[in-house]
Protein backbone atom coordinates (compact mmCIF):
# COMPACT_ATOMS: atom_id res chain seq x y z
CA UNK A 1 -105.23 -55.42 55.60
CA UNK A 2 -105.85 -58.47 57.77
CA UNK A 3 -107.10 -57.60 61.26
CA UNK A 4 -105.20 -58.67 64.34
CA UNK A 5 -106.91 -61.51 66.18
CA UNK A 6 -106.21 -61.69 69.91
CA UNK A 7 -105.48 -64.45 72.38
CA UNK A 8 -105.72 -63.36 76.03
CA UNK A 9 -103.41 -65.31 78.31
CA UNK A 10 -104.44 -66.39 81.79
CA UNK A 11 -103.28 -63.14 83.41
CA UNK A 12 -105.34 -61.07 80.97
CA UNK A 13 -108.38 -63.31 80.62
CA UNK A 14 -110.61 -61.00 82.60
CA UNK A 15 -114.07 -61.73 81.25
CA UNK A 16 -114.92 -58.03 81.23
CA UNK A 17 -111.99 -57.25 78.93
CA UNK A 18 -112.79 -60.10 76.54
CA UNK A 19 -116.50 -59.21 76.46
CA UNK A 20 -115.78 -55.49 75.98
CA UNK A 21 -113.45 -56.24 73.06
CA UNK A 22 -115.92 -58.67 71.51
CA UNK A 23 -118.66 -56.03 71.72
CA UNK A 24 -116.38 -53.87 69.56
CA UNK A 25 -116.08 -56.61 66.92
CA UNK A 26 -112.60 -57.74 68.01
CA UNK A 27 -111.89 -61.43 67.44
CA UNK A 28 -110.84 -62.52 70.95
CA UNK A 29 -110.03 -65.97 72.27
CA UNK A 30 -109.18 -66.66 75.94
CA UNK A 31 -107.26 -69.45 77.65
CA UNK A 32 -110.59 -70.75 78.97
CA UNK A 33 -111.99 -70.83 75.40
CA UNK A 34 -108.91 -72.77 74.31
CA UNK A 35 -108.91 -75.15 77.29
CA UNK A 36 -105.41 -73.94 78.20
CA UNK A 37 -105.87 -72.93 81.85
CA UNK A 38 -102.75 -73.68 83.91
CA UNK A 39 -100.51 -74.31 80.90
CA UNK A 40 -97.02 -72.79 80.55
CA UNK A 41 -96.32 -69.43 78.95
CA UNK A 42 -94.47 -71.20 76.14
CA UNK A 43 -97.53 -73.38 75.48
CA UNK A 44 -99.72 -70.26 75.43
CA UNK A 45 -97.45 -68.50 72.91
CA UNK A 46 -97.24 -71.62 70.75
CA UNK A 47 -101.03 -71.98 70.68
CA UNK A 48 -101.51 -68.30 69.84
CA UNK A 49 -98.99 -68.65 67.02
CA UNK A 50 -100.57 -71.84 65.65
CA UNK A 51 -103.89 -70.00 65.48
CA UNK A 52 -102.47 -66.78 63.99
CA UNK A 53 -103.35 -64.73 67.06
CA UNK A 54 -101.39 -62.02 68.80
CA UNK A 55 -101.01 -62.87 72.47
CA UNK A 56 -102.03 -60.20 74.98
CA UNK A 57 -100.61 -60.42 78.51
CA UNK A 58 -99.73 -58.48 81.63
CA UNK A 59 -96.80 -60.86 82.15
CA UNK A 60 -94.20 -58.55 80.59
CA UNK A 61 -91.03 -60.18 81.90
CA UNK A 62 -91.80 -63.76 80.92
CA UNK A 63 -93.27 -63.05 77.49
CA UNK A 64 -90.54 -60.61 76.52
CA UNK A 65 -88.02 -63.29 77.50
CA UNK A 66 -89.90 -65.87 75.40
CA UNK A 67 -89.99 -63.44 72.46
CA UNK A 68 -86.22 -62.97 72.68
CA UNK A 69 -85.63 -66.72 72.97
CA UNK A 70 -87.84 -67.51 69.96
CA UNK A 71 -86.15 -64.85 67.81
CA UNK A 72 -82.69 -66.13 68.80
CA UNK A 73 -83.79 -69.63 67.76
CA UNK A 74 -84.98 -68.35 64.39
CA UNK A 75 -88.64 -68.81 65.31
CA UNK A 76 -91.40 -66.29 64.84
CA UNK A 77 -94.80 -65.73 66.42
CA UNK A 78 -97.99 -63.88 65.55
CA UNK A 79 -97.16 -60.99 67.85
CA UNK A 80 -97.17 -60.20 71.55
CA UNK A 81 -98.92 -57.22 73.15
CA UNK A 82 -97.80 -56.43 76.69
CA UNK A 83 -99.23 -54.11 79.33
CA UNK A 84 -98.32 -53.60 82.98
CA UNK A 85 -100.89 -55.18 85.28
CA UNK A 86 -103.07 -52.84 87.34
CA UNK A 87 -101.72 -49.73 85.63
CA UNK A 88 -104.65 -49.12 83.32
CA UNK A 89 -108.40 -49.35 83.70
CA UNK A 90 -110.42 -51.46 81.30
CA UNK A 91 -111.37 -48.39 79.22
CA UNK A 92 -107.73 -47.45 78.72
CA UNK A 93 -106.81 -51.04 77.81
CA UNK A 94 -109.59 -51.19 75.22
CA UNK A 95 -108.65 -47.81 73.71
CA UNK A 96 -105.00 -48.85 73.50
CA UNK A 97 -105.78 -52.21 71.91
CA UNK A 98 -108.16 -50.63 69.40
CA UNK A 99 -105.61 -47.93 68.55
CA UNK A 100 -102.96 -50.58 67.93
CA UNK A 101 -105.37 -52.65 65.83
CA UNK A 102 -106.31 -49.60 63.74
CA UNK A 103 -102.64 -48.94 63.00
CA UNK A 104 -101.15 -52.40 62.50
CA UNK A 105 -102.22 -55.43 60.53
CA UNK A 106 -101.86 -59.06 61.55
CA UNK A 107 -98.91 -59.28 59.14
CA UNK A 108 -97.36 -56.21 60.77
CA UNK A 109 -97.48 -57.94 64.16
CA UNK A 110 -95.53 -61.01 62.99
CA UNK A 111 -92.55 -61.52 65.29
CA UNK A 112 -93.17 -58.18 67.02
CA UNK A 113 -93.65 -57.13 70.62
CA UNK A 114 -95.82 -54.08 71.23
CA UNK A 115 -96.07 -52.34 74.58
CA UNK A 116 -99.61 -51.09 75.06
CA UNK A 117 -98.29 -47.99 76.85
CA UNK A 118 -97.17 -46.75 73.42
CA UNK A 119 -100.78 -46.89 72.18
CA UNK A 120 -102.56 -45.29 75.14
CA UNK A 121 -102.70 -41.51 75.02
């Protein structure tokens, strides 16, 4: 089972979250790592997809809309993980992400949107 690799968009690129995930052996890439600061949401999703990474964001409305648009156009992506901003602390975010990653493979994320609230108990 191939592990999910993450791409944190600009909204979610809190260095503490990336560092905490990396310390737990999660393959994480941020917009700063990719040189994508200030780029559009569509560019972010395209880059994540090109690099076989599930995109993690707090920007629920825009990325769910992009997911719907891509699916309607017959396109796929490497997965989108969405969480409401300022609802969860960093510990809850990490537990939810790790729970999702323990349950789903990278292949299982293809073309899917997961709401982190479903993975936080």
